[in-house]
Amino acid sequence: MINVCYCGNRKIFPGLLLSVMSLAKHTDRALSVYVLSMDLHEQNPAFVPFTQNQMNVLNEVLREKNPESRAIQLDLTDLYKQKLAKGKNRKAAIYTPYALLRLYLDVLPDIPDKMIYLDVDTMCTDDIANLYDVDIENYEYAAALDYLGKFWINKNYCNSGVLLLNLPKIRDTGLFDRVRELVCNKKMAMPDQSALHKCGKLRLYLPERFNEQRNIKPDTVVKHFCKGIKWILFFPFTYNIKQWHRDKVHKRLKITCFDDIYEKYDLLAKEFDFSN
């Protein structure tokens, strides 16, 4: 069984579904997909958990490939409101509060010891088992360097969009306790990512093929559709194209390897009402 975690709310279901479809496509092993969510509709009407119908669609996709696979939604509303909802990053300018929910994996009951965390804007191009089977027995977590951060912030600055977590070690060292405390008390542009960089001591650096933040290469396992910069006549231009921006993925990024997944997604959209 390969254990994978995502965080998010109902609005980003198209991205979550596409990512899960790419997971299932490329591995024959059973997948346990944990979806962490919460209800913060009083802060933003879009901040609500995934519907049961949406979870049913995820399970349909997973079990079509392997009957032992499953998707489970966990509600972390109460946990979040106990502390981080009152912290200095509760209204981060760049990311929603849902990005912080992965920081509670160490205190959730019945969570497997080893877990892959994936941002919703990731797509697999090869078997995720290649990442899951990396030995991190002596590490808190494994992550790849951040494409821009390694130049502008610190040469060892990692991107937190793809993480391989050793939860027993994280509990032993208190890593997530310290990260939550820092996120709560210090305002940061990229809260949990920067806090992990500061607090993490036992970190394994992954090859970029496990978190490819630019062009897909022959050995890429996970393509991350994160923000990027292109230079035109010495001037920087930022772009933020996600896998669900299908036309831009084709025309601007020149990526077509997910077309079969898009076709299957369209068939599912006809069969199920994703809005319910």
C-alpha atoms as a PDB file:
ATOM      1  CA  MET A   1       0.000   0.000   0.000  1.00  0.00           C
ATOM      2  CA  ILE A   2       1.250   3.472  -0.940  1.00  0.00           C
ATOM      3  CA  ASN A   3      -0.030   6.236   1.340  1.00  0.00           C
ATOM      4  CA  VAL A   4      -0.555   9.675  -0.182  1.00  0.00           C
ATOM      5  CA  CYS A   5      -1.923  12.874   1.344  1.00  0.00           C
ATOM      6  CA  TYR A   6      -3.486  15.976  -0.211  1.00  0.00           C
ATOM      7  CA  CYS A   7      -4.982  19.097   1.405  1.00  0.00           C
ATOM      8  CA  GLY A   8      -7.682  21.343   0.022  1.00  0.00           C
ATOM      9  CA  ASN A   9     -11.299  22.371  -0.304  1.00  0.00           C
ATOM     10  CA  ARG A  10     -14.213  21.687  -2.610  1.00  0.00           C
ATOM     11  CA  LYS A  11     -13.243  24.377  -5.113  1.00  0.00           C
ATOM     12  CA  ILE A  12     -10.009  22.654  -6.181  1.00  0.00           C
ATOM     13  CA  PHE A  13     -11.618  19.275  -6.862  1.00  0.00           C
ATOM     14  CA  PRO A  14     -10.744  19.322 -10.611  1.00  0.00           C
ATOM     15  CA  GLY A  15      -7.052  19.572  -9.753  1.00  0.00           C
ATOM     16  CA  LEU A  16      -7.293  16.907  -7.061  1.00  0.00           C
ATOM     17  CA  LEU A  17      -9.077  14.511  -9.398  1.00  0.00           C
ATOM     18  CA  LEU A  18      -6.561  15.007 -12.209  1.00  0.00           C
ATOM     19  CA  SER A  19      -3.665  14.424  -9.818  1.00  0.00           C
ATOM     20  CA  VAL A  20      -5.230  11.275  -8.361  1.00  0.00           C
ATOM     21  CA  MET A  21      -5.975   9.986 -11.862  1.00  0.00           C
ATOM     22  CA  SER A  22      -2.304  10.388 -12.751  1.00  0.00           C
ATOM     23  CA  LEU A  23      -1.325   8.538  -9.556  1.00  0.00           C
ATOM     24  CA  ALA A  24      -3.579   5.599 -10.381  1.00  0.00           C
ATOM     25  CA  LYS A  25      -2.524   5.468 -14.021  1.00  0.00           C
ATOM     26  CA  HIS A  26       1.152   4.930 -13.302  1.00  0.00           C
ATOM     27  CA  THR A  27       1.151   2.408 -10.456  1.00  0.00           C
ATOM     28  CA  ASP A  28      -0.234  -1.093 -10.016  1.00  0.00           C
ATOM     29  CA  ARG A  29       0.092  -0.936  -6.240  1.00  0.00           C
ATOM     30  CA  ALA A  30      -2.867  -0.099  -4.008  1.00  0.00           C
ATOM     31  CA  LEU A  31      -3.191   3.547  -2.983  1.00  0.00           C
ATOM     32  CA  SER A  32      -4.551   5.009   0.253  1.00  0.00           C
ATOM     33  CA  VAL A  33      -5.298   8.644  -0.501  1.00  0.00           C
ATOM     34  CA  TYR A  34      -5.899  10.823   2.551  1.00  0.00           C
ATOM     35  CA  VAL A  35      -7.636  14.118   1.802  1.00  0.00           C
ATOM     36  CA  LEU A  36      -7.332  16.683   4.611  1.00  0.00           C
ATOM     37  CA  SER A  37      -9.953  19.418   4.608  1.00  0.00           C
ATOM     38  CA  MET A  38     -11.949  21.709   6.909  1.00  0.00           C
ATOM     39  CA  ASP A  39     -14.909  24.060   7.031  1.00  0.00           C
ATOM     40  CA  LEU A  40     -13.979  27.748   7.157  1.00  0.00           C
ATOM     41  CA  HIS A  41     -16.976  29.102   5.249  1.00  0.00           C
ATOM     42  CA  GLU A  42     -17.196  32.023   7.692  1.00  0.00           C
ATOM     43  CA  GLN A  43     -13.813  33.207   6.362  1.00  0.00           C
ATOM     44  CA  ASN A  44     -14.513  32.432   2.693  1.00  0.00           C
ATOM     45  CA  PRO A  45     -17.634  30.828   1.146  1.00  0.00           C
ATOM     46  CA  ALA A  46     -15.348  28.575  -0.943  1.00  0.00           C
ATOM     47  CA  PHE A  47     -13.597  27.180   2.143  1.00  0.00           C
ATOM     48  CA  VAL A  48     -15.702  24.052   2.615  1.00  0.00           C
ATOM     49  CA  PRO A  49     -14.804  20.329   2.546  1.00  0.00           C
ATOM     50  CA  PHE A  50     -15.210  18.055  -0.452  1.00  0.00           C
ATOM     51  CA  THR A  51     -18.669  16.604  -1.008  1.00  0.00           C
ATOM     52  CA  GLN A  52     -19.468  12.928  -0.635  1.00  0.00           C
ATOM     53  CA  ASN A  53     -20.102  12.766  -4.369  1.00  0.00           C
ATOM     54  CA  GLN A  54     -16.633  14.116  -5.068  1.00  0.00           C
ATOM     55  CA  MET A  55     -15.100  11.537  -2.748  1.00  0.00           C
ATOM     56  CA  ASN A  56     -17.129   8.840  -4.512  1.00  0.00           C
ATOM     57  CA  VAL A  57     -15.598   9.923  -7.832  1.00  0.00           C
ATOM     58  CA  LEU A  58     -12.087   9.645  -6.373  1.00  0.00           C
ATOM     59  CA  ASN A  59     -12.839   6.156  -5.106  1.00  0.00           C
ATOM     60  CA  GLU A  60     -14.306   5.179  -8.477  1.00  0.00           C
ATOM     61  CA  VAL A  61     -11.082   6.213 -10.222  1.00  0.00           C
ATOM     62  CA  LEU A  62      -8.821   4.515  -7.691  1.00  0.00           C
ATOM     63  CA  ARG A  63     -10.710   1.231  -7.453  1.00  0.00           C
ATOM     64  CA  GLU A  64     -11.080   0.912 -11.200  1.00  0.00           C
ATOM     65  CA  LYS A  65      -7.298   0.443 -11.290  1.00  0.00           C
ATOM     66  CA  ASN A  66      -6.914  -1.473  -8.008  1.00  0.00           C
ATOM     67  CA  PRO A  67      -9.891  -2.659  -5.915  1.00  0.00           C
ATOM     68  CA  GLU A  68      -7.840  -2.316  -2.732  1.00  0.00           C
ATOM     69  CA  SER A  69      -7.276   1.411  -3.245  1.00  0.00           C
ATOM     70  CA  ARG A  70      -9.314   4.008  -1.381  1.00  0.00           C
ATOM     71  CA  ALA A  71      -9.774   7.738  -0.763  1.00  0.00           C
ATOM     72  CA  ILE A  72     -10.597   9.024   2.714  1.00  0.00           C
ATOM     73  CA  GLN A  73     -11.490  12.584   3.713  1.00  0.00           C
ATOM     74  CA  LEU A  74     -10.485  13.780   7.199  1.00  0.00           C
ATOM     75  CA  ASP A  75     -12.017  16.904   8.753  1.00  0.00           C
ATOM     76  CA  LEU A  76      -9.405  18.963  10.615  1.00  0.00           C
ATOM     77  CA  THR A  77     -11.586  21.987  11.352  1.00  0.00           C
ATOM     78  CA  ASP A  78     -11.360  21.686  15.135  1.00  0.00           C
ATOM     79  CA  LEU A  79      -7.610  21.027  15.134  1.00  0.00           C
ATOM     80  CA  TYR A  80      -6.933  24.028  12.935  1.00  0.00           C
ATOM     81  CA  LYS A  81      -9.110  26.364  14.978  1.00  0.00           C
ATOM     82  CA  GLN A  82      -7.367  25.425  18.215  1.00  0.00           C
ATOM     83  CA  LYS A  83      -4.151  27.208  17.237  1.00  0.00           C
ATOM     84  CA  LEU A  84      -3.238  28.036  13.648  1.00  0.00           C
ATOM     85  CA  ALA A  85      -6.547  29.817  13.000  1.00  0.00           C
ATOM     86  CA  LYS A  86      -5.368  32.447  15.504  1.00  0.00           C
ATOM     87  CA  GLY A  87      -1.796  32.600  14.202  1.00  0.00           C
ATOM     88  CA  LYS A  88      -0.038  35.249  12.159  1.00  0.00           C
ATOM     89  CA  ASN A  89      -0.355  33.290   8.895  1.00  0.00           C
ATOM     90  CA  ARG A  90      -4.079  32.611   9.119  1.00  0.00           C
ATOM     91  CA  LYS A  91      -4.676  34.892   6.118  1.00  0.00           C
ATOM     92  CA  ALA A  92      -1.546  34.270   4.071  1.00  0.00           C
ATOM     93  CA  ALA A  93      -1.462  36.303   0.876  1.00  0.00           C
ATOM     94  CA  ILE A  94      -0.252  33.512  -1.410  1.00  0.00           C
ATOM     95  CA  TYR A  95      -1.651  30.254  -0.013  1.00  0.00           C
ATOM     96  CA  THR A  96      -4.939  29.244   1.574  1.00  0.00           C
ATOM     97  CA  PRO A  97      -5.039  27.933   5.163  1.00  0.00           C
ATOM     98  CA  TYR A  98      -5.467  24.426   3.772  1.00  0.00           C
ATOM     99  CA  ALA A  99      -1.751  24.238   2.966  1.00  0.00           C
ATOM    100  CA  LEU A 100      -1.096  24.136   6.711  1.00  0.00           C
ATOM    101  CA  LEU A 101      -3.210  21.061   7.403  1.00  0.00           C
ATOM    102  CA  ARG A 102      -0.378  18.638   6.525  1.00  0.00           C
ATOM    103  CA  LEU A 103       1.393  19.923   9.640  1.00  0.00           C
ATOM    104  CA  TYR A 104      -1.124  17.957  11.727  1.00  0.00           C
ATOM    105  CA  LEU A 105      -0.359  14.535  10.262  1.00  0.00           C
ATOM    106  CA  ASP A 106       1.742  13.658  13.300  1.00  0.00           C
ATOM    107  CA  VAL A 107      -1.204  13.992  15.705  1.00  0.00           C
ATOM    108  CA  LEU A 108      -3.946  12.318  13.653  1.00  0.00           C
ATOM    109  CA  PRO A 109      -5.030   8.850  14.806  1.00  0.00           C
ATOM    110  CA  ASP A 110      -4.637   5.783  12.577  1.00  0.00           C
ATOM    111  CA  ILE A 111      -2.256   7.502  10.150  1.00  0.00           C
ATOM    112  CA  PRO A 112       0.395   5.261   8.522  1.00  0.00           C
ATOM    113  CA  ASP A 113       4.016   5.758   9.515  1.00  0.00           C
ATOM    114  CA  LYS A 114       5.162   6.635   6.007  1.00  0.00           C
ATOM    115  CA  MET A 115       3.320   9.145   3.843  1.00  0.00           C
ATOM    116  CA  ILE A 116       3.798  11.061   0.609  1.00  0.00           C
ATOM    117  CA  TYR A 117       2.394  14.564   0.667  1.00  0.00           C
ATOM    118  CA  LEU A 118       1.499  16.090  -2.717  1.00  0.00           C
ATOM    119  CA  ASP A 119       0.244  19.549  -3.597  1.00  0.00           C
ATOM    120  CA  VAL A 120      -2.917  19.442  -5.684  1.00  0.00           C
ATOM    121  CA  ASP A 121      -1.053  21.010  -8.622  1.00  0.00           C
ATOM    122  CA  THR A 122       1.104  17.926  -9.175  1.00  0.00           C
ATOM    123  CA  MET A 123       0.818  15.205 -11.824  1.00  0.00           C
ATOM    124  CA  CYS A 124       2.603  11.869 -11.969  1.00  0.00           C
ATOM    125  CA  THR A 125       4.429  10.889 -15.123  1.00  0.00           C
ATOM    126  CA  ASP A 126       5.799   7.628 -13.695  1.00  0.00           C
ATOM    127  CA  ASP A 127       5.159   5.197 -10.828  1.00  0.00           C
ATOM    128  CA  ILE A 128       4.909   7.040  -7.491  1.00  0.00           C
ATOM    129  CA  ALA A 129       6.361   3.885  -5.913  1.00  0.00           C
ATOM    130  CA  ASN A 130       9.749   5.166  -7.087  1.00  0.00           C
ATOM    131  CA  LEU A 131       9.358   7.916  -4.485  1.00  0.00           C
ATOM    132  CA  TYR A 132       7.552   5.941  -1.792  1.00  0.00           C
ATOM    133  CA  ASP A 133      10.258   3.261  -1.696  1.00  0.00           C
ATOM    134  CA  VAL A 134      13.046   5.759  -0.963  1.00  0.00           C
ATOM    135  CA  ASP A 135      14.601   4.814   2.393  1.00  0.00           C
ATOM    136  CA  ILE A 136      14.055   7.604   4.949  1.00  0.00           C
ATOM    137  CA  GLU A 137      14.374   5.520   8.119  1.00  0.00           C
ATOM    138  CA  ASN A 138      16.965   7.922   9.546  1.00  0.00           C
ATOM    139  CA  TYR A 139      15.319  11.122   8.316  1.00  0.00           C
ATOM    140  CA  GLU A 140      12.312  13.219   9.296  1.00  0.00           C
ATOM    141  CA  TYR A 141      11.381  13.829   5.695  1.00  0.00           C
ATOM    142  CA  ALA A 142      12.666  13.990   2.143  1.00  0.00           C
ATOM    143  CA  ALA A 143      12.188  16.875  -0.292  1.00  0.00           C
ATOM    144  CA  ALA A 144      13.646  18.320  -3.472  1.00  0.00           C
ATOM    145  CA  LEU A 145      15.252  21.740  -3.735  1.00  0.00           C
ATOM    146  CA  ASP A 146      13.043  24.657  -4.691  1.00  0.00           C
ATOM    147  CA  TYR A 147      13.904  25.757  -8.220  1.00  0.00           C
ATOM    148  CA  LEU A 148      13.919  29.481  -7.402  1.00  0.00           C
ATOM    149  CA  GLY A 149      14.462  29.374  -3.653  1.00  0.00           C
ATOM    150  CA  LYS A 150      17.812  27.631  -3.945  1.00  0.00           C
ATOM    151  CA  PHE A 151      19.112  30.757  -5.700  1.00  0.00           C
ATOM    152  CA  TRP A 152      17.222  33.540  -3.953  1.00  0.00           C
ATOM    153  CA  ILE A 153      16.733  32.223  -0.406  1.00  0.00           C
ATOM    154  CA  ASN A 154      19.210  29.476   0.512  1.00  0.00           C
ATOM    155  CA  LYS A 155      21.107  26.851  -1.451  1.00  0.00           C
ATOM    156  CA  ASN A 156      19.435  24.147   0.679  1.00  0.00           C
ATOM    157  CA  TYR A 157      15.906  25.614   0.502  1.00  0.00           C
ATOM    158  CA  CYS A 158      13.397  22.899  -0.404  1.00  0.00           C
ATOM    159  CA  ASN A 159      10.007  22.949  -2.069  1.00  0.00           C
ATOM    160  CA  SER A 160       7.289  21.515   0.171  1.00  0.00           C
ATOM    161  CA  GLY A 161       4.906  20.586  -2.656  1.00  0.00           C
ATOM    162  CA  VAL A 162       6.245  17.029  -2.652  1.00  0.00           C
ATOM    163  CA  LEU A 163       7.289  15.494   0.673  1.00  0.00           C
ATOM    164  CA  LEU A 164       8.107  11.977   1.808  1.00  0.00           C
ATOM    165  CA  LEU A 165       7.341  11.887   5.529  1.00  0.00           C
ATOM    166  CA  ASN A 166       8.648   9.619   8.291  1.00  0.00           C
ATOM    167  CA  LEU A 167       5.962  10.324  10.894  1.00  0.00           C
ATOM    168  CA  PRO A 168       7.452   8.303  13.797  1.00  0.00           C
ATOM    169  CA  LYS A 169      10.718  10.231  13.428  1.00  0.00           C
ATOM    170  CA  ILE A 170       8.776  13.516  13.159  1.00  0.00           C
ATOM    171  CA  ARG A 171       7.008  12.698  16.426  1.00  0.00           C
ATOM    172  CA  ASP A 172      10.279  11.723  18.113  1.00  0.00           C
ATOM    173  CA  THR A 173      12.031  14.976  17.168  1.00  0.00           C
ATOM    174  CA  GLY A 174       8.939  17.166  17.580  1.00  0.00           C
ATOM    175  CA  LEU A 175       9.496  18.644  14.114  1.00  0.00           C
ATOM    176  CA  PHE A 176       5.867  19.450  13.312  1.00  0.00           C
ATOM    177  CA  ASP A 177       5.345  20.825  16.837  1.00  0.00           C
ATOM    178  CA  ARG A 178       8.133  23.326  16.217  1.00  0.00           C
ATOM    179  CA  VAL A 179       6.909  24.099  12.702  1.00  0.00           C
ATOM    180  CA  ARG A 180       3.367  24.768  13.920  1.00  0.00           C
ATOM    181  CA  GLU A 181       4.715  27.037  16.645  1.00  0.00           C
ATOM    182  CA  LEU A 182       6.807  29.031  14.168  1.00  0.00           C
ATOM    183  CA  VAL A 183       3.953  29.303  11.666  1.00  0.00           C
ATOM    184  CA  CYS A 184       1.686  30.513  14.444  1.00  0.00           C
ATOM    185  CA  ASN A 185       4.045  33.193  15.743  1.00  0.00           C
ATOM    186  CA  LYS A 186       5.985  34.497  12.726  1.00  0.00           C
ATOM    187  CA  LYS A 187       4.516  36.029   9.574  1.00  0.00           C
ATOM    188  CA  MET A 188       6.063  34.464   6.458  1.00  0.00           C
ATOM    189  CA  ALA A 189       5.392  34.641   2.710  1.00  0.00           C
ATOM    190  CA  MET A 190       5.564  30.854   2.385  1.00  0.00           C
ATOM    191  CA  PRO A 191       4.742  29.788   5.950  1.00  0.00           C
ATOM    192  CA  ASP A 192       5.059  26.024   6.256  1.00  0.00           C
ATOM    193  CA  GLN A 193       7.722  25.716   3.553  1.00  0.00           C
ATOM    194  CA  SER A 194       9.985  28.264   5.233  1.00  0.00           C
ATOM    195  CA  ALA A 195       9.250  26.862   8.690  1.00  0.00           C
ATOM    196  CA  LEU A 196      10.213  23.361   7.525  1.00  0.00           C
ATOM    197  CA  HIS A 197      13.470  24.759   6.161  1.00  0.00           C
ATOM    198  CA  LYS A 198      14.261  26.449   9.465  1.00  0.00           C
ATOM    199  CA  CYS A 199      13.171  23.645  11.823  1.00  0.00           C
ATOM    200  CA  GLY A 200      14.045  20.501   9.862  1.00  0.00           C
ATOM    201  CA  LYS A 201      17.370  18.949  10.827  1.00  0.00           C
ATOM    202  CA  LEU A 202      17.115  15.410   9.468  1.00  0.00           C
ATOM    203  CA  ARG A 203      16.297  16.097   5.825  1.00  0.00           C
ATOM    204  CA  LEU A 204      17.036  13.900   2.813  1.00  0.00           C
ATOM    205  CA  TYR A 205      17.449  15.823  -0.442  1.00  0.00           C
ATOM    206  CA  LEU A 206      15.576  14.240  -3.325  1.00  0.00           C
ATOM    207  CA  PRO A 207      16.542  14.435  -7.009  1.00  0.00           C
ATOM    208  CA  GLU A 208      14.505  16.986  -8.947  1.00  0.00           C
ATOM    209  CA  ARG A 209      12.767  14.204 -10.886  1.00  0.00           C
ATOM    210  CA  PHE A 210      10.525  13.715  -7.831  1.00  0.00           C
ATOM    211  CA  ASN A 211       9.436  17.367  -7.907  1.00  0.00           C
ATOM    212  CA  GLU A 212      10.083  18.698 -11.399  1.00  0.00           C
ATOM    213  CA  GLN A 213       9.190  22.374 -11.265  1.00  0.00           C
ATOM    214  CA  ARG A 214      10.056  23.171 -14.889  1.00  0.00           C
ATOM    215  CA  ASN A 215      10.138  21.016 -18.031  1.00  0.00           C
ATOM    216  CA  ILE A 216       9.245  17.339 -17.885  1.00  0.00           C
ATOM    217  CA  LYS A 217      12.276  15.122 -18.503  1.00  0.00           C
ATOM    218  CA  PRO A 218      12.536  11.414 -19.416  1.00  0.00           C
ATOM    219  CA  ASP A 219      13.108  10.400 -15.779  1.00  0.00           C
ATOM    220  CA  THR A 220      10.509  12.723 -14.206  1.00  0.00           C
ATOM    221  CA  VAL A 221       8.193  11.048 -11.681  1.00  0.00           C
ATOM    222  CA  VAL A 222       6.208  14.073 -10.451  1.00  0.00           C
ATOM    223  CA  LYS A 223       5.585  17.229 -12.463  1.00  0.00           C
ATOM    224  CA  HIS A 224       4.770  20.198 -10.210  1.00  0.00           C
ATOM    225  CA  PHE A 225       2.764  22.994 -11.848  1.00  0.00           C
ATOM    226  CA  CYS A 226       4.051  25.667  -9.480  1.00  0.00           C
ATOM    227  CA  LYS A 227       4.670  29.331 -10.180  1.00  0.00           C
ATOM    228  CA  GLY A 228       7.555  30.153 -12.476  1.00  0.00           C
ATOM    229  CA  ILE A 229       9.436  32.997 -14.075  1.00  0.00           C
ATOM    230  CA  LYS A 230      10.348  33.505 -17.714  1.00  0.00           C
ATOM    231  CA  TRP A 231      12.821  36.139 -18.810  1.00  0.00           C
ATOM    232  CA  ILE A 232      11.964  38.168 -21.897  1.00  0.00           C
ATOM    233  CA  LEU A 233      14.479  40.833 -22.962  1.00  0.00           C
ATOM    234  CA  PHE A 234      15.997  40.782 -19.458  1.00  0.00           C
ATOM    235  CA  PHE A 235      12.608  41.400 -17.818  1.00  0.00           C
ATOM    236  CA  PRO A 236      11.058  38.727 -15.541  1.00  0.00           C
ATOM    237  CA  PHE A 237       7.477  37.611 -16.159  1.00  0.00           C
ATOM    238  CA  THR A 238       5.742  35.301 -13.710  1.00  0.00           C
ATOM    239  CA  TYR A 239       3.315  32.590 -14.766  1.00  0.00           C
ATOM    240  CA  ASN A 240       1.103  30.275 -12.732  1.00  0.00           C
ATOM    241  CA  ILE A 241      -0.322  27.606 -15.031  1.00  0.00           C
ATOM    242  CA  LYS A 242      -1.968  24.615 -13.363  1.00  0.00           C
ATOM    243  CA  GLN A 243      -2.794  21.251 -14.901  1.00  0.00           C
ATOM    244  CA  TRP A 244      -6.484  22.169 -15.052  1.00  0.00           C
ATOM    245  CA  HIS A 245      -5.669  25.164 -17.284  1.00  0.00           C
ATOM    246  CA  ARG A 246      -5.739  22.771 -20.183  1.00  0.00           C
ATOM    247  CA  ASP A 247      -5.362  25.210 -23.081  1.00  0.00           C
ATOM    248  CA  LYS A 248      -2.391  26.943 -21.455  1.00  0.00           C
ATOM    249  CA  VAL A 249      -0.792  23.600 -20.617  1.00  0.00           C
ATOM    250  CA  HIS A 250      -0.955  22.774 -24.328  1.00  0.00           C
ATOM    251  CA  LYS A 251      -0.168  26.133 -25.893  1.00  0.00           C
ATOM    252  CA  ARG A 252       2.222  27.772 -23.449  1.00  0.00           C
ATOM    253  CA  LEU A 253       3.870  24.854 -21.669  1.00  0.00           C
ATOM    254  CA  LYS A 254       3.737  22.544 -24.712  1.00  0.00           C
ATOM    255  CA  ILE A 255       2.754  19.574 -22.522  1.00  0.00           C
ATOM    256  CA  THR A 256       0.561  16.908 -24.105  1.00  0.00           C
ATOM    257  CA  CYS A 257       1.434  13.782 -22.115  1.00  0.00           C
ATOM    258  CA  PHE A 258      -1.672  14.140 -19.926  1.00  0.00           C
ATOM    259  CA  ASP A 259      -4.148  14.198 -22.814  1.00  0.00           C
ATOM    260  CA  ASP A 260      -5.434  10.685 -22.133  1.00  0.00           C
ATOM    261  CA  ILE A 261      -6.150  11.726 -18.533  1.00  0.00           C
ATOM    262  CA  TYR A 262      -7.993  14.832 -19.752  1.00  0.00           C
ATOM    263  CA  GLU A 263     -10.129  12.658 -22.024  1.00  0.00           C
ATOM    264  CA  LYS A 264     -11.025  10.345 -19.159  1.00  0.00           C
ATOM    265  CA  TYR A 265     -11.734  13.339 -16.932  1.00  0.00           C
ATOM    266  CA  ASP A 266     -14.248  14.645 -19.490  1.00  0.00           C
ATOM    267  CA  LEU A 267     -16.023  11.284 -19.518  1.00  0.00           C
ATOM    268  CA  LEU A 268     -16.235  11.314 -15.720  1.00  0.00           C
ATOM    269  CA  ALA A 269     -17.573  14.884 -15.798  1.00  0.00           C
ATOM    270  CA  LYS A 270     -20.432  13.695 -18.023  1.00  0.00           C
ATOM    271  CA  GLU A 271     -21.192  10.755 -15.751  1.00  0.00           C
ATOM    272  CA  PHE A 272     -20.961  12.577 -12.417  1.00  0.00           C
ATOM    273  CA  ASP A 273     -22.005  16.067 -11.344  1.00  0.00           C
ATOM    274  CA  PHE A 274     -18.791  17.381  -9.830  1.00  0.00           C
ATOM    275  CA  SER A 275     -20.591  20.323  -8.229  1.00  0.00           C
ATOM    276  CA  ASN A 276     -22.476  18.036  -5.817  1.00  0.00           C
END
